[in-house]
Amino acid sequence: MVTENKLRIQVGSEANRSRKKRGAKEVEEVNVDQTNTKKKQKLDRELSLRSRCHKVLKSLKEEWFGWRFENLVTDNPDYFSAISKPMDFVTIKSKLDKNLYVNTVREFPEDVRLVFANAVRYYPPENMLHKNAKRLKKIFEIKWESVKQKLASEVLRIEQKDNPESKSDIGSKGFAMTMPLSPKKALRAATIRIRFSDAIVKARYRKLIDESSNKADVMMRMKKEKQLLERRERQVKATIEAETSAARLKAVREERLAREKLEEEAKSNFEDHLETEKEIVKLCGGSYLARTRCLKDLGLVLRIDYWPELEEIKEEGEI
């Protein structure tokens, strides 16, 4: 009998050890999978960030006068004595392609700002490169702020996906919005759900509270679910506000850039007109009479015999 009991104990111990080994192996496999998943997510985020950096850099090159910052100023011999840390768009692109940035979020914008800071330092304020460096830096800051907000939204989405609490059945019970809404309505909906989170959770747990014998445990679960709901809706609200702000900044930037472009074109046309007039003055001589005679010879003065026809056209237009 004693021998039989010992045998049972030994068999039970072996079974327990086997279960523990299997459990440890399964836990180890889960940990390895989680580690690999995190590494893949980190790599995907880095690739996404580099892709966005490439797009920002390309858009800066395509801006008016942006091509002038593509390469270093090698024509001026004093440039490298005046600028201790030269930088250009080609070098930045090469560093992105070769993955030379250790911390892309910090180092990429530093290099772009360095390009414009060097131009502002080297060229005088009246120089077009000095002015455009300041203008392009403002454009870059707006674009980079938008990139940072999108990256933050992606990180938040990944964290919600990986967090087991975020997979609770709150959304499946109708508390999450499944229909696409405008940003204004979605923001209002998130605000309302935050305000009435207590009532929403109580409605879900009312029957469970009445039937449960361990009410303290149910109340603790209610509290956790309420906190989860509030945190989730605040995250949704913050994301919507960030996207709305980015869209508003983009519209303002596009409007300002269009206005600045028109002003620059008008200024350029006016300067061309002045240069042309100066050339004509040089060709015609300095006096007003000689200038008028030359303009008449070139056909740039309206002849008197055309005036009656213009008057008739004007009268017909008024009728």
C-alpha atoms as a PDB file:
ATOM      1  CA  MET A   1       0.000   0.000   0.000  1.00  0.00           C
ATOM      2  CA  VAL A   2       2.817   2.348   0.935  1.00  0.00           C
ATOM      3  CA  THR A   3       4.643   1.484  -2.269  1.00  0.00           C
ATOM      4  CA  GLU A   4       1.501   2.199  -4.296  1.00  0.00           C
ATOM      5  CA  ASN A   5       1.083   5.605  -2.613  1.00  0.00           C
ATOM      6  CA  LYS A   6       4.719   6.453  -3.283  1.00  0.00           C
ATOM      7  CA  LEU A   7       4.262   5.482  -6.902  1.00  0.00           C
ATOM      8  CA  ARG A   8       1.199   7.719  -7.196  1.00  0.00           C
ATOM      9  CA  ILE A   9       3.083  10.618  -5.605  1.00  0.00           C
ATOM     10  CA  GLN A  10       5.998  10.142  -8.005  1.00  0.00           C
ATOM     11  CA  VAL A  11       3.672   9.990 -11.022  1.00  0.00           C
ATOM     12  CA  GLY A  12       1.841  13.097  -9.804  1.00  0.00           C
ATOM     13  CA  SER A  13       5.115  14.936  -9.272  1.00  0.00           C
ATOM     14  CA  GLU A  14       6.308  13.995 -12.759  1.00  0.00           C
ATOM     15  CA  ALA A  15       3.012  15.216 -14.223  1.00  0.00           C
ATOM     16  CA  ASN A  16       3.281  18.511 -12.325  1.00  0.00           C
ATOM     17  CA  ARG A  17       6.860  19.009 -13.499  1.00  0.00           C
ATOM     18  CA  SER A  18       5.813  18.233 -17.060  1.00  0.00           C
ATOM     19  CA  ARG A  19       2.938  20.734 -16.856  1.00  0.00           C
ATOM     20  CA  LYS A  20       5.264  23.378 -15.425  1.00  0.00           C
ATOM     21  CA  LYS A  21       7.787  22.807 -18.210  1.00  0.00           C
ATOM     22  CA  ARG A  22       5.046  23.046 -20.836  1.00  0.00           C
ATOM     23  CA  GLY A  23       3.698  26.174 -19.192  1.00  0.00           C
ATOM     24  CA  ALA A  24       7.161  27.751 -19.011  1.00  0.00           C
ATOM     25  CA  LYS A  25       7.782  26.874 -22.655  1.00  0.00           C
ATOM     26  CA  GLU A  26       4.437  28.379 -23.719  1.00  0.00           C
ATOM     27  CA  VAL A  27       5.140  31.547 -21.732  1.00  0.00           C
ATOM     28  CA  GLU A  28       8.585  31.772 -23.319  1.00  0.00           C
ATOM     29  CA  GLU A  29       7.073  31.362 -26.802  1.00  0.00           C
ATOM     30  CA  VAL A  30       4.498  34.067 -26.060  1.00  0.00           C
ATOM     31  CA  ASN A  31       7.243  36.398 -24.818  1.00  0.00           C
ATOM     32  CA  VAL A  32       9.301  35.746 -27.968  1.00  0.00           C
ATOM     33  CA  ASP A  33       6.258  36.445 -30.165  1.00  0.00           C
ATOM     34  CA  GLN A  34       5.542  39.663 -28.276  1.00  0.00           C
ATOM     35  CA  THR A  35       9.183  40.737 -28.610  1.00  0.00           C
ATOM     36  CA  ASN A  36       9.173  40.023 -32.354  1.00  0.00           C
ATOM     37  CA  THR A  37       5.888  41.894 -32.747  1.00  0.00           C
ATOM     38  CA  LYS A  38       7.265  44.923 -30.924  1.00  0.00           C
ATOM     39  CA  LYS A  39      10.428  44.867 -33.054  1.00  0.00           C
ATOM     40  CA  LYS A  40       8.326  44.696 -36.234  1.00  0.00           C
ATOM     41  CA  GLN A  41       6.120  47.559 -35.042  1.00  0.00           C
ATOM     42  CA  LYS A  42       9.200  49.645 -34.248  1.00  0.00           C
ATOM     43  CA  LEU A  43      10.659  48.915 -37.697  1.00  0.00           C
ATOM     44  CA  ASP A  44       7.348  49.775 -39.379  1.00  0.00           C
ATOM     45  CA  ARG A  45       7.177  53.063 -37.466  1.00  0.00           C
ATOM     46  CA  GLU A  46      10.745  53.903 -38.495  1.00  0.00           C
ATOM     47  CA  LEU A  47      10.011  53.139 -42.166  1.00  0.00           C
ATOM     48  CA  SER A  48       6.826  55.203 -42.005  1.00  0.00           C
ATOM     49  CA  LEU A  49       8.724  58.089 -40.410  1.00  0.00           C
ATOM     50  CA  ARG A  50      11.463  57.995 -43.059  1.00  0.00           C
ATOM     51  CA  SER A  51       8.825  57.942 -45.797  1.00  0.00           C
ATOM     52  CA  ARG A  52       7.162  61.029 -44.296  1.00  0.00           C
ATOM     53  CA  CYS A  53      10.547  62.761 -44.013  1.00  0.00           C
ATOM     54  CA  HIS A  54      11.193  62.064 -47.707  1.00  0.00           C
ATOM     55  CA  LYS A  55       7.811  63.581 -48.597  1.00  0.00           C
ATOM     56  CA  VAL A  56       8.489  66.705 -46.513  1.00  0.00           C
ATOM     57  CA  LEU A  57      11.923  67.117 -48.102  1.00  0.00           C
ATOM     58  CA  LYS A  58      10.501  66.668 -51.610  1.00  0.00           C
ATOM     59  CA  SER A  59       7.758  69.226 -50.962  1.00  0.00           C
ATOM     60  CA  LEU A  60      10.377  71.755 -49.779  1.00  0.00           C
ATOM     61  CA  LYS A  61      12.374  71.212 -52.988  1.00  0.00           C
ATOM     62  CA  GLU A  62       9.237  71.799 -55.052  1.00  0.00           C
ATOM     63  CA  GLU A  63       8.494  75.088 -53.293  1.00  0.00           C
ATOM     64  CA  TRP A  64       9.323  78.323 -55.082  1.00  0.00           C
ATOM     65  CA  PHE A  65      13.129  78.850 -54.798  1.00  0.00           C
ATOM     66  CA  GLY A  66      13.434  75.533 -52.918  1.00  0.00           C
ATOM     67  CA  TRP A  67      15.854  74.065 -55.475  1.00  0.00           C
ATOM     68  CA  ARG A  68      18.481  76.649 -54.454  1.00  0.00           C
ATOM     69  CA  PHE A  69      18.928  74.822 -51.122  1.00  0.00           C
ATOM     70  CA  GLU A  70      19.452  71.417 -52.744  1.00  0.00           C
ATOM     71  CA  ASN A  71      23.272  71.639 -52.928  1.00  0.00           C
ATOM     72  CA  LEU A  72      25.997  73.427 -50.976  1.00  0.00           C
ATOM     73  CA  VAL A  73      27.309  76.801 -52.122  1.00  0.00           C
ATOM     74  CA  THR A  74      30.623  75.749 -53.660  1.00  0.00           C
ATOM     75  CA  ASP A  75      31.036  78.785 -55.939  1.00  0.00           C
ATOM     76  CA  ASN A  76      31.780  81.213 -53.111  1.00  0.00           C
ATOM     77  CA  PRO A  77      35.245  80.525 -51.608  1.00  0.00           C
ATOM     78  CA  ASP A  78      34.420  82.225 -48.288  1.00  0.00           C
ATOM     79  CA  TYR A  79      31.288  80.124 -47.645  1.00  0.00           C
ATOM     80  CA  PHE A  80      32.999  77.341 -45.708  1.00  0.00           C
ATOM     81  CA  SER A  81      34.950  79.816 -43.597  1.00  0.00           C
ATOM     82  CA  ALA A  82      31.709  81.611 -42.650  1.00  0.00           C
ATOM     83  CA  ILE A  83      29.601  78.461 -42.151  1.00  0.00           C
ATOM     84  CA  SER A  84      31.035  75.900 -39.731  1.00  0.00           C
ATOM     85  CA  LYS A  85      28.322  73.237 -40.226  1.00  0.00           C
ATOM     86  CA  PRO A  86      27.244  73.187 -43.890  1.00  0.00           C
ATOM     87  CA  MET A  87      24.099  71.244 -44.799  1.00  0.00           C
ATOM     88  CA  ASP A  88      21.892  70.828 -47.878  1.00  0.00           C
ATOM     89  CA  PHE A  89      18.858  68.834 -49.052  1.00  0.00           C
ATOM     90  CA  VAL A  90      20.960  66.281 -50.977  1.00  0.00           C
ATOM     91  CA  THR A  91      22.943  65.398 -47.835  1.00  0.00           C
ATOM     92  CA  ILE A  92      19.744  65.036 -45.796  1.00  0.00           C
ATOM     93  CA  LYS A  93      18.213  62.760 -48.441  1.00  0.00           C
ATOM     94  CA  SER A  94      21.373  60.630 -48.486  1.00  0.00           C
ATOM     95  CA  LYS A  95      21.277  60.266 -44.694  1.00  0.00           C
ATOM     96  CA  LEU A  96      17.644  59.165 -44.892  1.00  0.00           C
ATOM     97  CA  ASP A  97      18.347  56.659 -47.675  1.00  0.00           C
ATOM     98  CA  LYS A  98      21.321  55.143 -45.833  1.00  0.00           C
ATOM     99  CA  ASN A  99      19.482  55.151 -42.478  1.00  0.00           C
ATOM    100  CA  LEU A 100      22.237  57.189 -40.819  1.00  0.00           C
ATOM    101  CA  TYR A 101      19.922  58.948 -38.385  1.00  0.00           C
ATOM    102  CA  VAL A 102      19.998  57.376 -34.924  1.00  0.00           C
ATOM    103  CA  ASN A 103      16.985  59.406 -33.785  1.00  0.00           C
ATOM    104  CA  THR A 104      15.155  60.528 -36.924  1.00  0.00           C
ATOM    105  CA  VAL A 105      12.468  62.487 -35.070  1.00  0.00           C
ATOM    106  CA  ARG A 106      15.131  64.719 -33.514  1.00  0.00           C
ATOM    107  CA  GLU A 107      17.986  64.733 -36.048  1.00  0.00           C
ATOM    108  CA  PHE A 108      16.040  65.176 -39.319  1.00  0.00           C
ATOM    109  CA  PRO A 109      14.351  68.487 -38.347  1.00  0.00           C
ATOM    110  CA  GLU A 110      17.652  69.724 -36.876  1.00  0.00           C
ATOM    111  CA  ASP A 111      19.383  69.226 -40.252  1.00  0.00           C
ATOM    112  CA  VAL A 112      16.567  70.919 -42.193  1.00  0.00           C
ATOM    113  CA  ARG A 113      16.609  73.903 -39.833  1.00  0.00           C
ATOM    114  CA  LEU A 114      20.409  74.027 -40.191  1.00  0.00           C
ATOM    115  CA  VAL A 115      20.054  74.450 -43.984  1.00  0.00           C
ATOM    116  CA  PHE A 116      17.890  77.538 -43.547  1.00  0.00           C
ATOM    117  CA  ALA A 117      19.889  78.898 -40.588  1.00  0.00           C
ATOM    118  CA  ASN A 118      23.079  78.776 -42.697  1.00  0.00           C
ATOM    119  CA  ALA A 119      21.381  80.670 -45.543  1.00  0.00           C
ATOM    120  CA  VAL A 120      20.060  83.340 -43.169  1.00  0.00           C
ATOM    121  CA  ARG A 121      23.513  83.715 -41.600  1.00  0.00           C
ATOM    122  CA  TYR A 122      25.484  83.856 -44.855  1.00  0.00           C
ATOM    123  CA  TYR A 123      23.286  85.996 -47.105  1.00  0.00           C
ATOM    124  CA  PRO A 124      22.319  89.610 -46.302  1.00  0.00           C
ATOM    125  CA  PRO A 125      18.671  90.390 -45.403  1.00  0.00           C
ATOM    126  CA  GLU A 126      17.910  91.942 -48.810  1.00  0.00           C
ATOM    127  CA  ASN A 127      19.072  88.793 -50.646  1.00  0.00           C
ATOM    128  CA  MET A 128      16.341  86.526 -52.068  1.00  0.00           C
ATOM    129  CA  LEU A 129      17.970  83.415 -50.576  1.00  0.00           C
ATOM    130  CA  HIS A 130      17.874  85.003 -47.117  1.00  0.00           C
ATOM    131  CA  LYS A 131      14.176  85.849 -47.495  1.00  0.00           C
ATOM    132  CA  ASN A 132      13.233  82.473 -48.953  1.00  0.00           C
ATOM    133  CA  ALA A 133      15.151  80.610 -46.249  1.00  0.00           C
ATOM    134  CA  LYS A 134      12.938  82.264 -43.633  1.00  0.00           C
ATOM    135  CA  ARG A 135       9.815  81.563 -45.688  1.00  0.00           C
ATOM    136  CA  LEU A 136      10.693  77.899 -46.261  1.00  0.00           C
ATOM    137  CA  LYS A 137      11.542  77.404 -42.594  1.00  0.00           C
ATOM    138  CA  LYS A 138       8.017  78.517 -41.648  1.00  0.00           C
ATOM    139  CA  ILE A 139       6.574  76.101 -44.215  1.00  0.00           C
ATOM    140  CA  PHE A 140       8.726  73.283 -42.846  1.00  0.00           C
ATOM    141  CA  GLU A 141       7.651  73.899 -39.244  1.00  0.00           C
ATOM    142  CA  ILE A 142       3.984  73.622 -40.252  1.00  0.00           C
ATOM    143  CA  LYS A 143       4.608  70.431 -42.237  1.00  0.00           C
ATOM    144  CA  TRP A 144       6.705  68.875 -39.463  1.00  0.00           C
ATOM    145  CA  GLU A 145       4.095  69.650 -36.816  1.00  0.00           C
ATOM    146  CA  SER A 146       1.548  67.792 -38.944  1.00  0.00           C
ATOM    147  CA  VAL A 147       3.943  64.811 -39.251  1.00  0.00           C
ATOM    148  CA  LYS A 148       4.436  64.681 -35.470  1.00  0.00           C
ATOM    149  CA  GLN A 149       0.685  64.693 -34.865  1.00  0.00           C
ATOM    150  CA  LYS A 150       0.164  61.841 -37.339  1.00  0.00           C
ATOM    151  CA  LEU A 151       2.964  59.828 -35.730  1.00  0.00           C
ATOM    152  CA  ALA A 152       1.419  60.355 -32.299  1.00  0.00           C
ATOM    153  CA  SER A 153      -1.945  59.139 -33.633  1.00  0.00           C
ATOM    154  CA  GLU A 154      -0.310  56.006 -35.087  1.00  0.00           C
ATOM    155  CA  VAL A 155       1.466  55.211 -31.809  1.00  0.00           C
ATOM    156  CA  LEU A 156      -1.796  55.704 -29.908  1.00  0.00           C
ATOM    157  CA  ARG A 157      -3.639  53.390 -32.306  1.00  0.00           C
ATOM    158  CA  ILE A 158      -0.980  50.671 -31.911  1.00  0.00           C
ATOM    159  CA  GLU A 159      -1.083  50.971 -28.118  1.00  0.00           C
ATOM    160  CA  GLN A 160      -4.869  50.651 -28.121  1.00  0.00           C
ATOM    161  CA  LYS A 161      -4.602  47.608 -30.382  1.00  0.00           C
ATOM    162  CA  ASP A 162      -2.008  45.914 -28.151  1.00  0.00           C
ATOM    163  CA  ASN A 163      -3.737  46.814 -24.880  1.00  0.00           C
ATOM    164  CA  PRO A 164      -6.102  43.993 -23.835  1.00  0.00           C
ATOM    165  CA  GLU A 165      -8.339  46.481 -22.022  1.00  0.00           C
ATOM    166  CA  SER A 166      -9.014  48.313 -25.253  1.00  0.00           C
ATOM    167  CA  LYS A 167     -10.503  45.094 -26.659  1.00  0.00           C
ATOM    168  CA  SER A 168     -13.297  45.008 -24.090  1.00  0.00           C
ATOM    169  CA  ASP A 169     -16.857  44.791 -25.270  1.00  0.00           C
ATOM    170  CA  ILE A 170     -17.603  48.481 -24.721  1.00  0.00           C
ATOM    171  CA  GLY A 171     -17.540  49.125 -28.438  1.00  0.00           C
ATOM    172  CA  SER A 172     -19.510  45.957 -29.226  1.00  0.00           C
ATOM    173  CA  LYS A 173     -22.337  47.119 -26.973  1.00  0.00           C
ATOM    174  CA  GLY A 174     -22.884  50.230 -28.990  1.00  0.00           C
ATOM    175  CA  PHE A 175     -20.892  52.772 -27.009  1.00  0.00           C
ATOM    176  CA  ALA A 176     -18.316  53.257 -29.776  1.00  0.00           C
ATOM    177  CA  MET A 177     -19.325  55.126 -32.904  1.00  0.00           C
ATOM    178  CA  THR A 178     -19.414  52.852 -35.947  1.00  0.00           C
ATOM    179  CA  MET A 179     -20.835  55.367 -38.397  1.00  0.00           C
ATOM    180  CA  PRO A 180     -18.417  57.899 -39.926  1.00  0.00           C
ATOM    181  CA  LEU A 181     -19.059  61.379 -38.558  1.00  0.00           C
ATOM    182  CA  SER A 182     -17.784  64.831 -39.329  1.00  0.00           C
ATOM    183  CA  PRO A 183     -14.995  66.010 -36.977  1.00  0.00           C
ATOM    184  CA  LYS A 184     -17.373  68.442 -35.257  1.00  0.00           C
ATOM    185  CA  LYS A 185     -20.029  65.778 -34.575  1.00  0.00           C
ATOM    186  CA  ALA A 186     -17.453  63.160 -33.558  1.00  0.00           C
ATOM    187  CA  LEU A 187     -15.899  65.618 -31.096  1.00  0.00           C
ATOM    188  CA  ARG A 188     -19.311  66.382 -29.601  1.00  0.00           C
ATOM    189  CA  ALA A 189     -20.122  62.648 -29.354  1.00  0.00           C
ATOM    190  CA  ALA A 190     -16.845  61.953 -27.527  1.00  0.00           C
ATOM    191  CA  THR A 191     -17.516  64.841 -25.118  1.00  0.00           C
ATOM    192  CA  ILE A 192     -21.015  63.517 -24.368  1.00  0.00           C
ATOM    193  CA  ARG A 193     -19.722  59.975 -23.752  1.00  0.00           C
ATOM    194  CA  ILE A 194     -17.106  61.332 -21.323  1.00  0.00           C
ATOM    195  CA  ARG A 195     -19.761  63.345 -19.476  1.00  0.00           C
ATOM    196  CA  PHE A 196     -22.183  60.404 -19.174  1.00  0.00           C
ATOM    197  CA  SER A 197     -19.611  57.627 -18.737  1.00  0.00           C
ATOM    198  CA  ASP A 198     -20.892  56.900 -15.224  1.00  0.00           C
ATOM    199  CA  ALA A 199     -24.471  56.422 -16.433  1.00  0.00           C
ATOM    200  CA  ILE A 200     -23.334  54.289 -19.388  1.00  0.00           C
ATOM    201  CA  VAL A 201     -21.353  51.890 -17.198  1.00  0.00           C
ATOM    202  CA  LYS A 202     -24.105  51.688 -14.548  1.00  0.00           C
ATOM    203  CA  ALA A 203     -26.646  50.770 -17.214  1.00  0.00           C
ATOM    204  CA  ARG A 204     -24.390  47.929 -18.340  1.00  0.00           C
ATOM    205  CA  TYR A 205     -23.844  46.563 -14.838  1.00  0.00           C
ATOM    206  CA  ARG A 206     -27.296  47.161 -13.300  1.00  0.00           C
ATOM    207  CA  LYS A 207     -28.485  43.580 -13.770  1.00  0.00           C
ATOM    208  CA  LEU A 208     -25.123  42.153 -12.673  1.00  0.00           C
ATOM    209  CA  ILE A 209     -25.181  44.229  -9.463  1.00  0.00           C
ATOM    210  CA  ASP A 210     -28.670  42.983  -8.585  1.00  0.00           C
ATOM    211  CA  GLU A 211     -27.816  39.317  -9.175  1.00  0.00           C
ATOM    212  CA  SER A 212     -24.223  39.194  -7.897  1.00  0.00           C
ATOM    213  CA  SER A 213     -23.362  38.140  -4.365  1.00  0.00           C
ATOM    214  CA  ASN A 214     -19.959  39.871  -4.462  1.00  0.00           C
ATOM    215  CA  LYS A 215     -21.015  43.470  -5.096  1.00  0.00           C
ATOM    216  CA  ALA A 216     -17.591  44.884  -4.160  1.00  0.00           C
ATOM    217  CA  ASP A 217     -15.966  42.981  -7.025  1.00  0.00           C
ATOM    218  CA  VAL A 218     -18.630  44.194  -9.460  1.00  0.00           C
ATOM    219  CA  MET A 219     -18.198  47.788  -8.300  1.00  0.00           C
ATOM    220  CA  MET A 220     -14.430  47.511  -8.818  1.00  0.00           C
ATOM    221  CA  ARG A 221     -14.986  46.219 -12.366  1.00  0.00           C
ATOM    222  CA  MET A 222     -17.423  49.078 -12.967  1.00  0.00           C
ATOM    223  CA  LYS A 223     -14.855  51.600 -11.804  1.00  0.00           C
ATOM    224  CA  LYS A 224     -12.156  50.150 -14.084  1.00  0.00           C
ATOM    225  CA  GLU A 225     -14.492  50.084 -17.083  1.00  0.00           C
ATOM    226  CA  LYS A 226     -15.566  53.666 -16.455  1.00  0.00           C
ATOM    227  CA  GLN A 227     -11.913  54.774 -16.323  1.00  0.00           C
ATOM    228  CA  LEU A 228     -11.197  52.845 -19.526  1.00  0.00           C
ATOM    229  CA  LEU A 229     -14.183  54.420 -21.290  1.00  0.00           C
ATOM    230  CA  GLU A 230     -13.205  57.932 -20.199  1.00  0.00           C
ATOM    231  CA  ARG A 231      -9.552  57.421 -21.186  1.00  0.00           C
ATOM    232  CA  ARG A 232     -10.532  56.013 -24.567  1.00  0.00           C
ATOM    233  CA  GLU A 233     -12.936  58.836 -25.356  1.00  0.00           C
ATOM    234  CA  ARG A 234     -10.383  61.453 -24.263  1.00  0.00           C
ATOM    235  CA  GLN A 235      -7.877  59.886 -26.649  1.00  0.00           C
ATOM    236  CA  VAL A 236     -10.459  60.018 -29.454  1.00  0.00           C
ATOM    237  CA  LYS A 237     -11.213  63.632 -28.587  1.00  0.00           C
ATOM    238  CA  ALA A 238      -7.507  64.566 -28.557  1.00  0.00           C
ATOM    239  CA  THR A 239      -6.965  62.870 -31.932  1.00  0.00           C
ATOM    240  CA  ILE A 240      -9.916  64.683 -33.520  1.00  0.00           C
ATOM    241  CA  GLU A 241      -8.773  68.033 -32.117  1.00  0.00           C
ATOM    242  CA  ALA A 242      -5.226  67.440 -33.416  1.00  0.00           C
ATOM    243  CA  GLU A 243      -6.479  66.505 -36.894  1.00  0.00           C
ATOM    244  CA  THR A 244      -8.827  69.506 -36.994  1.00  0.00           C
ATOM    245  CA  SER A 245      -6.027  71.826 -35.907  1.00  0.00           C
ATOM    246  CA  ALA A 246      -3.680  70.364 -38.537  1.00  0.00           C
ATOM    247  CA  ALA A 247      -6.311  70.827 -41.269  1.00  0.00           C
ATOM    248  CA  ARG A 248      -6.899  74.418 -40.173  1.00  0.00           C
ATOM    249  CA  LEU A 249      -3.165  75.156 -40.161  1.00  0.00           C
ATOM    250  CA  LYS A 250      -2.827  73.585 -43.611  1.00  0.00           C
ATOM    251  CA  ALA A 251      -5.613  75.764 -45.038  1.00  0.00           C
ATOM    252  CA  VAL A 252      -4.106  78.916 -43.511  1.00  0.00           C
ATOM    253  CA  ARG A 253      -0.655  77.975 -44.802  1.00  0.00           C
ATOM    254  CA  GLU A 254      -1.898  77.304 -48.338  1.00  0.00           C
ATOM    255  CA  GLU A 255      -3.774  80.600 -48.392  1.00  0.00           C
ATOM    256  CA  ARG A 256      -0.742  82.516 -47.119  1.00  0.00           C
ATOM    257  CA  LEU A 257       1.605  80.811 -49.573  1.00  0.00           C
ATOM    258  CA  ALA A 258      -0.712  81.576 -52.487  1.00  0.00           C
ATOM    259  CA  ARG A 259      -0.851  85.223 -51.418  1.00  0.00           C
ATOM    260  CA  GLU A 260       2.938  85.401 -51.000  1.00  0.00           C
ATOM    261  CA  LYS A 261       3.436  83.794 -54.398  1.00  0.00           C
ATOM    262  CA  LEU A 262       1.160  86.355 -56.054  1.00  0.00           C
ATOM    263  CA  GLU A 263       2.981  89.180 -54.274  1.00  0.00           C
ATOM    264  CA  GLU A 264       6.369  87.832 -55.372  1.00  0.00           C
ATOM    265  CA  GLU A 265       5.175  87.456 -58.974  1.00  0.00           C
ATOM    266  CA  ALA A 266       3.755  90.983 -58.965  1.00  0.00           C
ATOM    267  CA  LYS A 267       6.989  92.327 -57.498  1.00  0.00           C
ATOM    268  CA  SER A 268       9.049  90.409 -60.058  1.00  0.00           C
ATOM    269  CA  ASN A 269       6.893  91.682 -62.938  1.00  0.00           C
ATOM    270  CA  PHE A 270       7.161  95.237 -61.642  1.00  0.00           C
ATOM    271  CA  GLU A 271      10.958  94.961 -61.359  1.00  0.00           C
ATOM    272  CA  ASP A 272      11.126  93.554 -64.909  1.00  0.00           C
ATOM    273  CA  HIS A 273       9.003  96.465 -66.106  1.00  0.00           C
ATOM    274  CA  LEU A 274      11.335  98.956 -64.421  1.00  0.00           C
ATOM    275  CA  GLU A 275      14.380  97.287 -65.968  1.00  0.00           C
ATOM    276  CA  THR A 276      12.735  97.390 -69.409  1.00  0.00           C
ATOM    277  CA  GLU A 277      11.859 101.054 -68.954  1.00  0.00           C
ATOM    278  CA  LYS A 278      15.440 101.840 -67.923  1.00  0.00           C
ATOM    279  CA  GLU A 279      16.758 100.117 -71.043  1.00  0.00           C
ATOM    280  CA  ILE A 280      14.332 102.095 -73.209  1.00  0.00           C
ATOM    281  CA  VAL A 281      15.403 105.331 -71.509  1.00  0.00           C
ATOM    282  CA  LYS A 282      19.052 104.494 -72.220  1.00  0.00           C
ATOM    283  CA  LEU A 283      18.243 103.793 -75.864  1.00  0.00           C
ATOM    284  CA  CYS A 284      16.095 106.902 -76.306  1.00  0.00           C
ATOM    285  CA  GLY A 285      18.196 109.373 -74.348  1.00  0.00           C
ATOM    286  CA  GLY A 286      17.523 111.124 -71.093  1.00  0.00           C
ATOM    287  CA  SER A 287      15.021 113.804 -72.191  1.00  0.00           C
ATOM    288  CA  TYR A 288      11.281 113.274 -72.027  1.00  0.00           C
ATOM    289  CA  LEU A 289      10.830 114.458 -75.647  1.00  0.00           C
ATOM    290  CA  ALA A 290      13.393 111.968 -76.992  1.00  0.00           C
ATOM    291  CA  ARG A 291      11.879 109.208 -74.878  1.00  0.00           C
ATOM    292  CA  THR A 292       8.373 109.939 -76.174  1.00  0.00           C
ATOM    293  CA  ARG A 293       9.606 110.061 -79.773  1.00  0.00           C
ATOM    294  CA  CYS A 294      11.364 106.705 -79.393  1.00  0.00           C
ATOM    295  CA  LEU A 295       8.301 105.114 -77.817  1.00  0.00           C
ATOM    296  CA  LYS A 296       6.202 106.404 -80.726  1.00  0.00           C
ATOM    297  CA  ASP A 297       8.661 104.937 -83.230  1.00  0.00           C
ATOM    298  CA  LEU A 298       8.479 101.591 -81.430  1.00  0.00           C
ATOM    299  CA  GLY A 299       4.679 101.632 -81.560  1.00  0.00           C
ATOM    300  CA  LEU A 300       4.322 101.852 -77.778  1.00  0.00           C
ATOM    301  CA  VAL A 301       2.223 105.072 -77.834  1.00  0.00           C
ATOM    302  CA  LEU A 302      -1.469 105.075 -78.796  1.00  0.00           C
ATOM    303  CA  ARG A 303      -1.947 106.949 -82.047  1.00  0.00           C
ATOM    304  CA  ILE A 304      -4.486 109.789 -82.133  1.00  0.00           C
ATOM    305  CA  ASP A 305      -6.383 108.402 -85.150  1.00  0.00           C
ATOM    306  CA  TYR A 306      -7.440 105.383 -83.034  1.00  0.00           C
ATOM    307  CA  TRP A 307      -9.155 107.491 -80.385  1.00  0.00           C
ATOM    308  CA  PRO A 308     -12.534 107.967 -82.223  1.00  0.00           C
ATOM    309  CA  GLU A 309     -12.837 104.194 -82.653  1.00  0.00           C
ATOM    310  CA  LEU A 310     -12.176 103.670 -78.948  1.00  0.00           C
ATOM    311  CA  GLU A 311     -14.812 106.267 -78.080  1.00  0.00           C
ATOM    312  CA  GLU A 312     -17.372 104.456 -80.298  1.00  0.00           C
ATOM    313  CA  ILE A 313     -16.559 101.121 -78.647  1.00  0.00           C
ATOM    314  CA  LYS A 314     -16.934 102.744 -75.226  1.00  0.00           C
ATOM    315  CA  GLU A 315     -20.347 104.215 -76.156  1.00  0.00           C
ATOM    316  CA  GLU A 316     -21.566 100.850 -77.506  1.00  0.00           C
ATOM    317  CA  GLY A 317     -20.505  99.197 -74.269  1.00  0.00           C
ATOM    318  CA  GLU A 318     -22.443 101.729 -72.219  1.00  0.00           C
ATOM    319  CA  ILE A 319     -25.594 101.166 -74.317  1.00  0.00           C
END
